[in-house]
Amino acid sequence: MRVGLSCTDNIKGILLELFSARNITIEDSSEVYVVEAGSPVPAGKVSIQFELGSLNKLIGLLDMLSKQVDETSGTIIGKSPDENYEIIPHRQICFFEGRGNNIFCITKEGEYRVKEKLYELEAKLPQNAFVRVSKSFIVNIENVKQIIPWFGRRLVLKFTDCRKEVEVSKNYSKSFKEFLDM
């Protein structure tokens, strides 16, 4: 996470240390600024203003924001067909598919078996990117290229980097459309 900083010199060292411990880097070109009360507020930027007495609240807010950034840039560990373990970033995942007792993570590079069950993945994955579309599938909406209306209120999803298609079942069609505000 990157933020700008506008504060007095006597607190700057403390803030830099707190930010560094949370993998927050200081950049003057950032759209979001942390501003100590009484310091200049940059024009045209989103600013989080704090007083020295409320430093703990600021730290709590930054912890929460940096955790959300981490969740969207997370990974899954999958086992490839040649029995090697791969670390797969969320952004590369097209969908998860349940086949029998196994769950597979499908990417443009191939498919990987994962140890989690679909309901565990559903709870673990970022709720703003992954959505359940049937009893057997969870899709990464960020990699969906096309949504095609199909027979009987069903939908077919085509992906950006994957040749396979996934069908949104009738039972999940309404919640999927709500997820997308369709």
N, C-alpha and C. Protein backbone atom coordinates (compact mmCIF):
# COMPACT_ATOMS: atom_id res chain seq x y z
N MET A 1 0.85 -1.17 0.00
CA MET A 1 0.00 0.00 0.00
C MET A 1 0.90 1.23 0.00
N ARG A 2 0.46 2.24 -0.74
CA ARG A 2 1.23 3.49 -0.84
C ARG A 2 0.36 4.66 -0.40
N VAL A 3 0.94 5.55 0.41
CA VAL A 3 0.26 6.76 0.84
C VAL A 3 1.24 7.91 0.83
N GLY A 4 0.69 9.12 0.78
CA GLY A 4 1.48 10.32 0.97
C GLY A 4 1.44 10.70 2.44
N LEU A 5 2.35 11.55 2.87
CA LEU A 5 2.42 11.91 4.29
C LEU A 5 2.65 13.40 4.43
N SER A 6 1.82 14.03 5.25
CA SER A 6 1.97 15.44 5.57
C SER A 6 1.89 15.57 7.09
N CYS A 7 3.05 15.83 7.72
CA CYS A 7 3.08 15.92 9.18
C CYS A 7 4.28 16.74 9.62
N THR A 8 4.37 17.00 10.93
CA THR A 8 5.51 17.72 11.48
C THR A 8 6.71 16.79 11.58
N ASP A 9 7.89 17.38 11.63
CA ASP A 9 9.12 16.59 11.66
C ASP A 9 9.24 15.76 12.94
N ASN A 10 8.66 16.25 14.07
CA ASN A 10 8.83 15.51 15.33
C ASN A 10 8.06 14.19 15.36
N ILE A 11 7.06 14.00 14.52
CA ILE A 11 6.32 12.72 14.49
C ILE A 11 6.62 11.91 13.23
N LYS A 12 7.30 12.51 12.27
CA LYS A 12 7.56 11.85 10.98
C LYS A 12 8.31 10.53 11.16
N GLY A 13 9.33 10.49 11.99
CA GLY A 13 10.12 9.28 12.21
C GLY A 13 9.27 8.14 12.76
N ILE A 14 8.39 8.46 13.71
CA ILE A 14 7.51 7.45 14.31
C ILE A 14 6.57 6.89 13.25
N LEU A 15 5.97 7.78 12.46
CA LEU A 15 5.04 7.33 11.42
C LEU A 15 5.74 6.48 10.36
N LEU A 16 6.92 6.90 9.96
CA LEU A 16 7.66 6.13 8.95
C LEU A 16 7.96 4.72 9.46
N GLU A 17 8.30 4.62 10.75
CA GLU A 17 8.56 3.30 11.34
C GLU A 17 7.28 2.46 11.39
N LEU A 18 6.17 3.06 11.80
CA LEU A 18 4.89 2.34 11.84
C LEU A 18 4.47 1.90 10.44
N PHE A 19 4.62 2.77 9.47
CA PHE A 19 4.25 2.43 8.09
C PHE A 19 5.13 1.32 7.55
N SER A 20 6.41 1.42 7.79
CA SER A 20 7.35 0.41 7.29
C SER A 20 7.02 -0.98 7.83
N ALA A 21 6.63 -1.05 9.10
CA ALA A 21 6.28 -2.34 9.72
C ALA A 21 5.03 -2.94 9.08
N ARG A 22 4.23 -2.12 8.43
CA ARG A 22 2.98 -2.58 7.81
C ARG A 22 3.08 -2.64 6.28
N ASN A 23 4.30 -2.57 5.75
CA ASN A 23 4.54 -2.57 4.30
C ASN A 23 3.81 -1.45 3.59
N ILE A 24 3.73 -0.30 4.24
CA ILE A 24 3.14 0.89 3.65
C ILE A 24 4.28 1.81 3.24
N THR A 25 4.35 2.14 1.96
CA THR A 25 5.42 3.01 1.48
C THR A 25 4.89 4.43 1.30
N ILE A 26 5.79 5.39 1.47
CA ILE A 26 5.44 6.80 1.33
C ILE A 26 5.80 7.26 -0.07
N GLU A 27 4.80 7.80 -0.76
CA GLU A 27 5.00 8.34 -2.11
C GLU A 27 4.25 9.65 -2.24
N ASP A 28 4.95 10.67 -2.66
CA ASP A 28 4.32 11.98 -2.82
C ASP A 28 3.26 11.98 -3.92
N SER A 29 3.37 11.06 -4.89
CA SER A 29 2.41 11.02 -5.99
C SER A 29 1.15 10.22 -5.66
N SER A 30 1.07 9.69 -4.44
CA SER A 30 -0.09 8.87 -4.05
C SER A 30 -1.37 9.70 -4.04
N GLU A 31 -2.48 9.03 -4.31
CA GLU A 31 -3.79 9.69 -4.30
C GLU A 31 -4.35 9.82 -2.88
N VAL A 32 -3.80 9.04 -1.93
CA VAL A 32 -4.27 9.05 -0.55
C VAL A 32 -3.15 9.58 0.35
N TYR A 33 -3.50 10.53 1.20
CA TYR A 33 -2.52 11.14 2.11
C TYR A 33 -2.95 10.93 3.56
N VAL A 34 -1.96 10.72 4.41
CA VAL A 34 -2.18 10.72 5.86
C VAL A 34 -1.68 12.08 6.33
N VAL A 35 -2.56 12.85 6.99
CA VAL A 35 -2.27 14.24 7.33
C VAL A 35 -2.45 14.46 8.83
N GLU A 36 -1.40 14.95 9.47
CA GLU A 36 -1.49 15.31 10.88
C GLU A 36 -2.29 16.62 10.98
N ALA A 37 -3.17 16.72 11.98
CA ALA A 37 -3.97 17.93 12.17
C ALA A 37 -3.05 19.14 12.25
N GLY A 38 -3.38 20.18 11.47
CA GLY A 38 -2.57 21.39 11.45
C GLY A 38 -1.56 21.42 10.32
N SER A 39 -1.31 20.28 9.69
CA SER A 39 -0.38 20.22 8.55
C SER A 39 -1.15 20.51 7.27
N PRO A 40 -0.45 20.94 6.22
CA PRO A 40 -1.16 21.25 4.97
C PRO A 40 -1.79 20.00 4.34
N VAL A 41 -3.02 20.18 3.85
CA VAL A 41 -3.75 19.11 3.18
C VAL A 41 -3.54 19.29 1.67
N PRO A 42 -2.99 18.29 0.99
CA PRO A 42 -2.77 18.42 -0.45
C PRO A 42 -4.08 18.55 -1.22
N ALA A 43 -4.12 19.45 -2.17
CA ALA A 43 -5.33 19.67 -2.97
C ALA A 43 -5.55 18.50 -3.93
N GLY A 44 -6.81 18.12 -4.08
CA GLY A 44 -7.17 17.08 -5.04
C GLY A 44 -6.82 15.66 -4.61
N LYS A 45 -6.47 15.47 -3.37
CA LYS A 45 -6.11 14.15 -2.85
C LYS A 45 -7.10 13.73 -1.78
N VAL A 46 -7.27 12.44 -1.60
CA VAL A 46 -8.05 11.92 -0.49
C VAL A 46 -7.13 11.95 0.72
N SER A 47 -7.61 12.50 1.83
CA SER A 47 -6.73 12.58 2.99
C SER A 47 -7.39 12.00 4.23
N ILE A 48 -6.57 11.36 5.04
CA ILE A 48 -6.97 10.82 6.33
C ILE A 48 -6.29 11.70 7.36
N GLN A 49 -7.10 12.50 8.06
CA GLN A 49 -6.52 13.44 9.02
C GLN A 49 -6.58 12.84 10.41
N PHE A 50 -5.50 13.03 11.18
CA PHE A 50 -5.44 12.47 12.53
C PHE A 50 -4.77 13.48 13.47
N GLU A 51 -5.06 13.31 14.74
CA GLU A 51 -4.38 14.06 15.79
C GLU A 51 -3.48 13.10 16.53
N LEU A 52 -2.45 13.62 17.16
CA LEU A 52 -1.49 12.77 17.86
C LEU A 52 -2.16 11.87 18.89
N GLY A 53 -3.22 12.37 19.54
CA GLY A 53 -3.94 11.59 20.54
C GLY A 53 -4.72 10.42 19.94
N SER A 54 -4.99 10.46 18.64
CA SER A 54 -5.76 9.39 18.01
C SER A 54 -4.87 8.53 17.11
N LEU A 55 -3.59 8.47 17.41
CA LEU A 55 -2.64 7.69 16.60
C LEU A 55 -3.00 6.21 16.58
N ASN A 56 -3.50 5.68 17.71
CA ASN A 56 -3.89 4.27 17.75
C ASN A 56 -5.04 3.97 16.78
N LYS A 57 -5.98 4.89 16.65
CA LYS A 57 -7.09 4.71 15.70
C LYS A 57 -6.57 4.73 14.27
N LEU A 58 -5.61 5.61 13.98
CA LEU A 58 -5.01 5.66 12.66
C LEU A 58 -4.32 4.34 12.34
N ILE A 59 -3.57 3.82 13.29
CA ILE A 59 -2.87 2.55 13.09
C ILE A 59 -3.87 1.42 12.83
N GLY A 60 -4.98 1.39 13.57
CA GLY A 60 -6.02 0.38 13.36
C GLY A 60 -6.61 0.48 11.96
N LEU A 61 -6.87 1.70 11.52
CA LEU A 61 -7.41 1.91 10.18
C LEU A 61 -6.43 1.45 9.11
N LEU A 62 -5.17 1.80 9.25
CA LEU A 62 -4.15 1.39 8.28
C LEU A 62 -3.97 -0.12 8.27
N ASP A 63 -4.03 -0.74 9.45
CA ASP A 63 -3.94 -2.21 9.51
C ASP A 63 -5.10 -2.84 8.73
N MET A 64 -6.29 -2.30 8.92
CA MET A 64 -7.46 -2.82 8.23
C MET A 64 -7.33 -2.63 6.71
N LEU A 65 -6.89 -1.46 6.28
CA LEU A 65 -6.73 -1.19 4.85
C LEU A 65 -5.65 -2.05 4.23
N SER A 66 -4.52 -2.21 4.92
CA SER A 66 -3.44 -3.02 4.34
C SER A 66 -3.83 -4.49 4.32
N LYS A 67 -4.66 -4.94 5.26
CA LYS A 67 -5.14 -6.34 5.24
C LYS A 67 -6.02 -6.57 4.03
N GLN A 68 -6.89 -5.61 3.70
CA GLN A 68 -7.76 -5.75 2.53
C GLN A 68 -6.94 -5.80 1.25
N VAL A 69 -5.86 -5.02 1.17
CA VAL A 69 -4.99 -5.07 -0.01
C VAL A 69 -4.34 -6.44 -0.10
N ASP A 70 -3.90 -7.00 1.03
CA ASP A 70 -3.29 -8.32 1.04
C ASP A 70 -4.27 -9.39 0.58
N GLU A 71 -5.54 -9.27 0.97
CA GLU A 71 -6.53 -10.28 0.60
C GLU A 71 -6.73 -10.33 -0.90
N THR A 72 -6.68 -9.19 -1.55
CA THR A 72 -6.91 -9.19 -2.98
C THR A 72 -5.69 -9.60 -3.76
N SER A 73 -4.55 -9.62 -3.12
CA SER A 73 -3.35 -10.05 -3.83
C SER A 73 -2.86 -11.37 -3.26
N GLY A 74 -3.75 -12.22 -2.81
CA GLY A 74 -3.40 -13.47 -2.17
C GLY A 74 -3.04 -14.57 -3.16
N THR A 75 -2.77 -15.73 -2.60
CA THR A 75 -2.38 -16.88 -3.41
C THR A 75 -3.08 -18.14 -2.92
N ILE A 76 -3.07 -19.15 -3.78
CA ILE A 76 -3.56 -20.49 -3.48
C ILE A 76 -2.44 -21.45 -3.84
N ILE A 77 -2.30 -22.52 -3.08
CA ILE A 77 -1.32 -23.54 -3.42
C ILE A 77 -2.03 -24.71 -4.06
N GLY A 78 -1.56 -25.09 -5.25
CA GLY A 78 -2.16 -26.19 -5.99
C GLY A 78 -1.11 -27.19 -6.42
N LYS A 79 -1.56 -28.42 -6.65
CA LYS A 79 -0.67 -29.50 -7.08
C LYS A 79 -0.88 -29.74 -8.57
N SER A 80 0.20 -29.63 -9.34
CA SER A 80 0.10 -29.82 -10.79
C SER A 80 0.03 -31.30 -11.13
N PRO A 81 -0.33 -31.65 -12.36
CA PRO A 81 -0.41 -33.06 -12.76
C PRO A 81 0.92 -33.82 -12.59
N ASP A 82 2.04 -33.10 -12.65
CA ASP A 82 3.33 -33.77 -12.45
C ASP A 82 3.75 -33.81 -10.97
N GLU A 83 2.76 -33.57 -10.08
CA GLU A 83 2.93 -33.70 -8.63
C GLU A 83 3.78 -32.61 -7.99
N ASN A 84 4.05 -31.51 -8.70
CA ASN A 84 4.75 -30.37 -8.11
C ASN A 84 3.73 -29.41 -7.54
N TYR A 85 4.10 -28.73 -6.45
CA TYR A 85 3.23 -27.72 -5.87
C TYR A 85 3.53 -26.37 -6.50
N GLU A 86 2.46 -25.65 -6.83
CA GLU A 86 2.59 -24.34 -7.45
C GLU A 86 1.89 -23.31 -6.56
N ILE A 87 2.45 -22.11 -6.51
CA ILE A 87 1.81 -20.99 -5.82
C ILE A 87 1.12 -20.17 -6.90
N ILE A 88 -0.21 -20.07 -6.79
CA ILE A 88 -1.02 -19.45 -7.84
C ILE A 88 -1.63 -18.16 -7.30
N PRO A 89 -1.25 -17.00 -7.87
CA PRO A 89 -1.88 -15.73 -7.45
C PRO A 89 -3.36 -15.71 -7.82
N HIS A 90 -4.17 -15.09 -6.98
CA HIS A 90 -5.62 -15.00 -7.23
C HIS A 90 -5.92 -14.42 -8.60
N ARG A 91 -5.16 -13.44 -9.03
CA ARG A 91 -5.46 -12.77 -10.31
C ARG A 91 -5.32 -13.71 -11.51
N GLN A 92 -4.59 -14.83 -11.37
CA GLN A 92 -4.43 -15.78 -12.48
C GLN A 92 -5.51 -16.85 -12.52
N ILE A 93 -6.31 -16.94 -11.49
CA ILE A 93 -7.32 -17.99 -11.39
C ILE A 93 -8.54 -17.63 -12.23
N CYS A 94 -8.97 -18.55 -13.09
CA CYS A 94 -10.22 -18.37 -13.84
C CYS A 94 -11.40 -18.88 -13.00
N PHE A 95 -11.28 -20.13 -12.51
CA PHE A 95 -12.34 -20.68 -11.68
C PHE A 95 -11.84 -21.90 -10.92
N PHE A 96 -12.64 -22.30 -9.94
CA PHE A 96 -12.44 -23.55 -9.20
C PHE A 96 -13.56 -24.49 -9.60
N GLU A 97 -13.21 -25.76 -9.76
CA GLU A 97 -14.20 -26.75 -10.16
C GLU A 97 -14.12 -27.97 -9.24
N GLY A 98 -15.29 -28.40 -8.77
CA GLY A 98 -15.36 -29.62 -7.99
C GLY A 98 -15.70 -30.79 -8.90
N ARG A 99 -14.85 -31.82 -8.90
CA ARG A 99 -15.09 -33.05 -9.67
C ARG A 99 -14.92 -34.22 -8.72
N GLY A 100 -16.02 -34.87 -8.41
CA GLY A 100 -15.96 -35.98 -7.46
C GLY A 100 -15.51 -35.48 -6.10
N ASN A 101 -14.48 -36.09 -5.55
CA ASN A 101 -13.95 -35.67 -4.25
C ASN A 101 -12.80 -34.68 -4.38
N ASN A 102 -12.48 -34.25 -5.59
CA ASN A 102 -11.35 -33.35 -5.81
C ASN A 102 -11.82 -31.97 -6.24
N ILE A 103 -11.01 -30.97 -5.87
CA ILE A 103 -11.27 -29.59 -6.28
C ILE A 103 -10.07 -29.15 -7.12
N PHE A 104 -10.36 -28.53 -8.27
CA PHE A 104 -9.31 -28.10 -9.18
C PHE A 104 -9.37 -26.59 -9.37
N CYS A 105 -8.20 -25.98 -9.41
CA CYS A 105 -8.04 -24.56 -9.71
C CYS A 105 -7.64 -24.47 -11.18
N ILE A 106 -8.44 -23.77 -11.98
CA ILE A 106 -8.20 -23.67 -13.42
C ILE A 106 -7.62 -22.29 -13.74
N THR A 107 -6.46 -22.29 -14.40
CA THR A 107 -5.82 -21.06 -14.87
C THR A 107 -5.54 -21.22 -16.36
N LYS A 108 -5.01 -20.18 -16.98
CA LYS A 108 -4.68 -20.31 -18.41
C LYS A 108 -3.52 -21.28 -18.61
N GLU A 109 -2.68 -21.48 -17.59
CA GLU A 109 -1.55 -22.40 -17.69
C GLU A 109 -1.97 -23.85 -17.54
N GLY A 110 -3.09 -24.11 -16.89
CA GLY A 110 -3.51 -25.48 -16.69
C GLY A 110 -4.41 -25.61 -15.47
N GLU A 111 -4.49 -26.84 -14.96
CA GLU A 111 -5.32 -27.07 -13.78
C GLU A 111 -4.48 -27.68 -12.67
N TYR A 112 -4.84 -27.30 -11.44
CA TYR A 112 -4.09 -27.71 -10.26
C TYR A 112 -5.09 -28.22 -9.21
N ARG A 113 -4.76 -29.32 -8.58
CA ARG A 113 -5.62 -29.84 -7.51
C ARG A 113 -5.31 -29.08 -6.23
N VAL A 114 -6.36 -28.66 -5.53
CA VAL A 114 -6.19 -27.95 -4.26
C VAL A 114 -6.79 -28.77 -3.14
N LYS A 115 -6.32 -28.56 -1.93
CA LYS A 115 -6.77 -29.38 -0.81
C LYS A 115 -8.09 -28.89 -0.21
N GLU A 116 -8.41 -27.62 -0.39
CA GLU A 116 -9.61 -27.05 0.21
C GLU A 116 -10.86 -27.53 -0.50
N LYS A 117 -11.95 -27.56 0.22
CA LYS A 117 -13.27 -27.84 -0.35
C LYS A 117 -13.83 -26.53 -0.90
N LEU A 118 -14.85 -26.60 -1.76
CA LEU A 118 -15.41 -25.38 -2.33
C LEU A 118 -15.97 -24.44 -1.26
N TYR A 119 -16.62 -24.97 -0.25
CA TYR A 119 -17.18 -24.09 0.78
C TYR A 119 -16.06 -23.41 1.58
N GLU A 120 -14.92 -24.07 1.73
CA GLU A 120 -13.77 -23.45 2.42
C GLU A 120 -13.18 -22.34 1.55
N LEU A 121 -13.06 -22.60 0.25
CA LEU A 121 -12.56 -21.57 -0.66
C LEU A 121 -13.49 -20.37 -0.69
N GLU A 122 -14.78 -20.64 -0.70
CA GLU A 122 -15.78 -19.57 -0.75
C GLU A 122 -15.62 -18.62 0.44
N ALA A 123 -15.29 -19.16 1.60
CA ALA A 123 -15.10 -18.34 2.80
C ALA A 123 -13.73 -17.66 2.81
N LYS A 124 -12.75 -18.28 2.18
CA LYS A 124 -11.36 -17.80 2.23
C LYS A 124 -11.03 -16.76 1.16
N LEU A 125 -11.63 -16.88 -0.02
CA LEU A 125 -11.31 -16.00 -1.14
C LEU A 125 -11.94 -14.62 -0.98
N PRO A 126 -11.36 -13.59 -1.62
CA PRO A 126 -11.94 -12.24 -1.55
C PRO A 126 -13.37 -12.22 -2.11
N GLN A 127 -14.29 -11.72 -1.32
CA GLN A 127 -15.71 -11.72 -1.68
C GLN A 127 -16.03 -10.78 -2.84
N ASN A 128 -15.14 -9.83 -3.12
CA ASN A 128 -15.41 -8.89 -4.21
C ASN A 128 -14.95 -9.41 -5.57
N ALA A 129 -14.24 -10.55 -5.61
CA ALA A 129 -13.72 -11.07 -6.88
C ALA A 129 -14.24 -12.48 -7.20
N PHE A 130 -14.47 -13.30 -6.18
CA PHE A 130 -14.86 -14.69 -6.41
C PHE A 130 -16.32 -14.89 -6.01
N VAL A 131 -17.06 -15.61 -6.86
CA VAL A 131 -18.47 -15.83 -6.60
C VAL A 131 -18.84 -17.26 -6.99
N ARG A 132 -19.70 -17.86 -6.18
CA ARG A 132 -20.19 -19.22 -6.44
C ARG A 132 -21.25 -19.13 -7.52
N VAL A 133 -21.15 -20.00 -8.55
CA VAL A 133 -22.12 -19.96 -9.64
C VAL A 133 -22.87 -21.27 -9.81
N SER A 134 -22.46 -22.31 -9.07
CA SER A 134 -23.18 -23.59 -9.08
C SER A 134 -22.63 -24.42 -7.93
N LYS A 135 -23.18 -25.62 -7.76
CA LYS A 135 -22.68 -26.51 -6.71
C LYS A 135 -21.23 -26.89 -6.95
N SER A 136 -20.78 -26.83 -8.19
CA SER A 136 -19.44 -27.31 -8.54
C SER A 136 -18.44 -26.23 -8.93
N PHE A 137 -18.87 -24.94 -9.02
CA PHE A 137 -17.97 -23.91 -9.54
C PHE A 137 -17.97 -22.64 -8.69
N ILE A 138 -16.77 -22.08 -8.52
CA ILE A 138 -16.56 -20.72 -8.01
C ILE A 138 -15.72 -20.03 -9.07
N VAL A 139 -16.15 -18.85 -9.54
CA VAL A 139 -15.43 -18.16 -10.60
C VAL A 139 -14.79 -16.86 -10.09
N ASN A 140 -13.70 -16.49 -10.75
CA ASN A 140 -13.06 -15.20 -10.51
C ASN A 140 -13.66 -14.24 -11.52
N ILE A 141 -14.52 -13.37 -11.07
CA ILE A 141 -15.26 -12.47 -11.96
C ILE A 141 -14.32 -11.53 -12.71
N GLU A 142 -13.13 -11.29 -12.17
CA GLU A 142 -12.18 -10.41 -12.82
C GLU A 142 -11.64 -11.01 -14.12
N ASN A 143 -11.76 -12.31 -14.30
CA ASN A 143 -11.28 -12.97 -15.51
C ASN A 143 -12.41 -13.40 -16.45
N VAL A 144 -13.64 -12.99 -16.16
CA VAL A 144 -14.76 -13.29 -17.04
C VAL A 144 -14.79 -12.26 -18.16
N LYS A 145 -14.79 -12.75 -19.39
CA LYS A 145 -14.78 -11.88 -20.56
C LYS A 145 -16.19 -11.63 -21.08
N GLN A 146 -17.04 -12.67 -20.99
CA GLN A 146 -18.35 -12.57 -21.61
C GLN A 146 -19.37 -13.36 -20.79
N ILE A 147 -20.58 -12.80 -20.68
CA ILE A 147 -21.70 -13.47 -20.02
C ILE A 147 -22.79 -13.65 -21.07
N ILE A 148 -23.11 -14.90 -21.36
CA ILE A 148 -24.07 -15.21 -22.43
C ILE A 148 -25.35 -15.77 -21.82
N PRO A 149 -26.51 -15.09 -22.05
CA PRO A 149 -27.78 -15.67 -21.59
C PRO A 149 -28.02 -17.02 -22.27
N TRP A 150 -28.53 -17.97 -21.51
CA TRP A 150 -28.72 -19.32 -22.01
C TRP A 150 -30.13 -19.77 -21.70
N PHE A 151 -30.50 -20.96 -22.08
CA PHE A 151 -31.85 -21.46 -21.88
C PHE A 151 -32.19 -21.60 -20.40
N GLY A 152 -33.46 -21.36 -20.07
CA GLY A 152 -33.96 -21.61 -18.72
C GLY A 152 -33.29 -20.78 -17.63
N ARG A 153 -33.11 -19.48 -17.86
CA ARG A 153 -32.53 -18.55 -16.88
C ARG A 153 -31.07 -18.84 -16.55
N ARG A 154 -30.43 -19.69 -17.30
CA ARG A 154 -29.02 -19.98 -17.05
C ARG A 154 -28.14 -18.99 -17.82
N LEU A 155 -26.89 -18.92 -17.42
CA LEU A 155 -25.91 -18.07 -18.09
C LEU A 155 -24.66 -18.90 -18.37
N VAL A 156 -23.93 -18.55 -19.41
CA VAL A 156 -22.66 -19.19 -19.71
C VAL A 156 -21.58 -18.11 -19.61
N LEU A 157 -20.48 -18.44 -18.92
CA LEU A 157 -19.37 -17.50 -18.73
C LEU A 157 -18.19 -17.93 -19.58
N LYS A 158 -17.63 -16.97 -20.33
CA LYS A 158 -16.40 -17.19 -21.08
C LYS A 158 -15.32 -16.35 -20.41
N PHE A 159 -14.11 -16.90 -20.38
CA PHE A 159 -13.01 -16.28 -19.65
C PHE A 159 -11.99 -15.65 -20.59
N THR A 160 -11.27 -14.68 -20.07
CA THR A 160 -10.25 -13.95 -20.82
C THR A 160 -9.12 -14.86 -21.26
N ASP A 161 -8.57 -15.62 -20.34
CA ASP A 161 -7.37 -16.41 -20.64
C ASP A 161 -7.60 -17.90 -20.67
N CYS A 162 -8.82 -18.35 -20.59
CA CYS A 162 -9.09 -19.78 -20.48
C CYS A 162 -10.10 -20.17 -21.56
N ARG A 163 -9.88 -21.29 -22.20
CA ARG A 163 -10.77 -21.73 -23.29
C ARG A 163 -12.06 -22.37 -22.77
N LYS A 164 -12.04 -22.81 -21.52
CA LYS A 164 -13.21 -23.49 -20.97
C LYS A 164 -14.31 -22.48 -20.65
N GLU A 165 -15.53 -22.98 -20.61
CA GLU A 165 -16.69 -22.17 -20.25
C GLU A 165 -17.33 -22.75 -19.00
N VAL A 166 -18.00 -21.90 -18.24
CA VAL A 166 -18.68 -22.32 -17.02
C VAL A 166 -20.13 -21.87 -17.10
N GLU A 167 -21.03 -22.74 -16.69
CA GLU A 167 -22.45 -22.43 -16.70
C GLU A 167 -22.89 -21.99 -15.30
N VAL A 168 -23.60 -20.86 -15.24
CA VAL A 168 -24.22 -20.42 -14.00
C VAL A 168 -25.55 -21.13 -13.91
N SER A 169 -25.74 -21.94 -12.88
CA SER A 169 -26.97 -22.74 -12.78
C SER A 169 -28.17 -21.86 -12.44
N LYS A 170 -29.36 -22.39 -12.68
CA LYS A 170 -30.60 -21.65 -12.38
C LYS A 170 -30.66 -21.24 -10.91
N ASN A 171 -30.22 -22.13 -10.02
CA ASN A 171 -30.29 -21.85 -8.59
C ASN A 171 -29.37 -20.71 -8.16
N TYR A 172 -28.30 -20.48 -8.89
CA TYR A 172 -27.33 -19.44 -8.54
C TYR A 172 -27.44 -18.21 -9.44
N SER A 173 -28.27 -18.26 -10.45
CA SER A 173 -28.38 -17.17 -11.41
C SER A 173 -28.80 -15.85 -10.77
N LYS A 174 -29.77 -15.88 -9.89
CA LYS A 174 -30.25 -14.66 -9.25
C LYS A 174 -29.17 -14.03 -8.37
N SER A 175 -28.50 -14.83 -7.55
CA SER A 175 -27.46 -14.27 -6.68
C SER A 175 -26.26 -13.78 -7.50
N PHE A 176 -25.97 -14.45 -8.63
CA PHE A 176 -24.89 -14.00 -9.51
C PHE A 176 -25.22 -12.64 -10.12
N LYS A 177 -26.46 -12.48 -10.58
CA LYS A 177 -26.87 -11.20 -11.15
C LYS A 177 -26.86 -10.09 -10.09
N GLU A 178 -27.24 -10.41 -8.88
CA GLU A 178 -27.18 -9.44 -7.78
C GLU A 178 -25.74 -9.05 -7.48
N PHE A 179 -24.84 -10.03 -7.52
CA PHE A 179 -23.42 -9.78 -7.29
C PHE A 179 -22.89 -8.76 -8.30
N LEU A 180 -23.36 -8.86 -9.54
CA LEU A 180 -22.91 -7.96 -10.62
C LEU A 180 -23.79 -6.72 -10.78
N ASP A 181 -24.83 -6.61 -9.98
CA ASP A 181 -25.80 -5.51 -10.12
C ASP A 181 -26.41 -5.49 -11.52
N MET A 182 -26.78 -6.67 -12.01
CA MET A 182 -27.40 -6.78 -13.35
C MET A 182 -28.91 -6.65 -13.24
